[in-house]
Amino acid sequence: MSRTLQTLAASIVFLLFPITCWPQGSAATDPINASERSALSPPASMIELGKNVAGTACASCHGINGVSTEPGIPHVAGQRTVYLYRVLQAYQSRERHNDAMNHATGFLNDEALLAVAAYYAALAPARPALLADGANESVDVSLGDPFAGIRDPMEKCVKCHGEDGNSSASGMPNLSGQDPVYFTASMKAYTDGSRNHKMMKKLVMNLDEMTLEKMGVFYAVQEPARTKTTGDGDTDLGRASSEPCAACHGSDGNASGADMPTLAGQDARYFMKAMQAYRDGNRHHQPMFDAVNSLSEAEISNLATFYATQEPVRRNVRTPLTTTEWIDRCERCHGIDGNSTDPRFPMLAGQDPVYLANALQSYIGATRSNTTMHAMSDPLTATDIERIVEHYSTREPKSVVYMQLPCEEQLE
């Protein structure tokens, strides 16, 4: 088999139309210009110039073969040409900040930047160490349960509050339908003494704030159900008594404020116990003490019955994506398994995992200027990043061969 056929067999073949046929623009990138297009099928002279530039300015970090040996330094062999070129321009203009890269590109002209991008893009990408060693090529990221890290501590909650936060035990509160901000503040109140409950303090005291926040998100995105314990009060009288409460908890008990609890559908017995706790000082909250202190037992019972019979509404909280869902989103630009066919978007397959993680953190912190990537990365949790990085760093990288084809009108 000839070298050309071997290259085609190991590569993604992309049919490249002349510039007049190329899709014009996107929210993330500019259209490919004429000089960039020339580097997609570079002449030998451009490759030779690029190799000389690489040996002088790039090889000490990225290697002359484009494969880095230091964690955190990206592999550039087989990387997409236009992406490399534009990244080098960004370092040269200081749009991207990295002392080594700013220095390396500082004295190169545009011809040299384009040539070195073409040189490295023409190299065969190295297989990830995991694959090169003959290990299983399929790294299991499963569905990437976004709540995997809190499943164990939440087991202690199930007996009283149900699998989804909708309790079937009389006297126990529903946790679904609450905002994560309120949930977290409530749990912390058990540890700081604002709420006096020995069992809850024992259960919560060893949970850090991040875990509590994730638990709050889990319960917030569950579908809330109305309690079966509706109480013995008068619903109509309870509705009348609830008017002063509407400013904080909503006219039907569905609160809109993140720091306010939803009362709609809440267990009537629990509601009455909570009101008694505010009155007795076992819960420290002056506005609630003032609100409850003037109420009779009958009025509290009526309120409990009114709220218990209202339909709870799910909070407007985004359900975290699974790893599979995140990867589906990434593939829109970066291609299947991170092998992009658009030369403006980087290949992620086989990339250094430390570099990938650092890059995502840079987009999250907006230290890299890319509004699309910032919006995509900002919701990522540490677990999301770990799983996404694991997926792409272990994929088989593929180079791209671009074949020039004329436009249809030019064939006529």
Foldseek 3Di string as FASTA:
>chain_A
DDPVVVQPVQFAEAADEPQVPDDADDPFDGRDDDVLVCLLVDDPVLLVLLLVLCVVQPCVALNSLQHGDDFQGKRQALKFQQQQLVVLVCLCVVLADDVSSVVSSVPDDSSNSSSNSSNRNPHWDDAFPCVVVPHDLDDDLDQFPVLVVQPVLCVVVCVAQNPQQNGQDALGKRLALAFLQQQLVVLVCCCVQLAPDVVSNVSRVPDDSVSSSSVSLSRLQGAYFAYPQQFDAAQVLLLVLCVVVCVAQNSQQNGQDNNGTRLARIRLNNQLVVLVCLCVSNHDDVVSVVSSVPDDSRNSRNNSNNRSNGGRDRHPHDDDGHLVVLVVVVCVAQNDLRAGPPSNDTRLAQIRLSNQLVVLVCLCVCSNPTVVSVVSSVVDDPSSSVSNSVSRNSHTYHRYRYHYDYDPVVVD
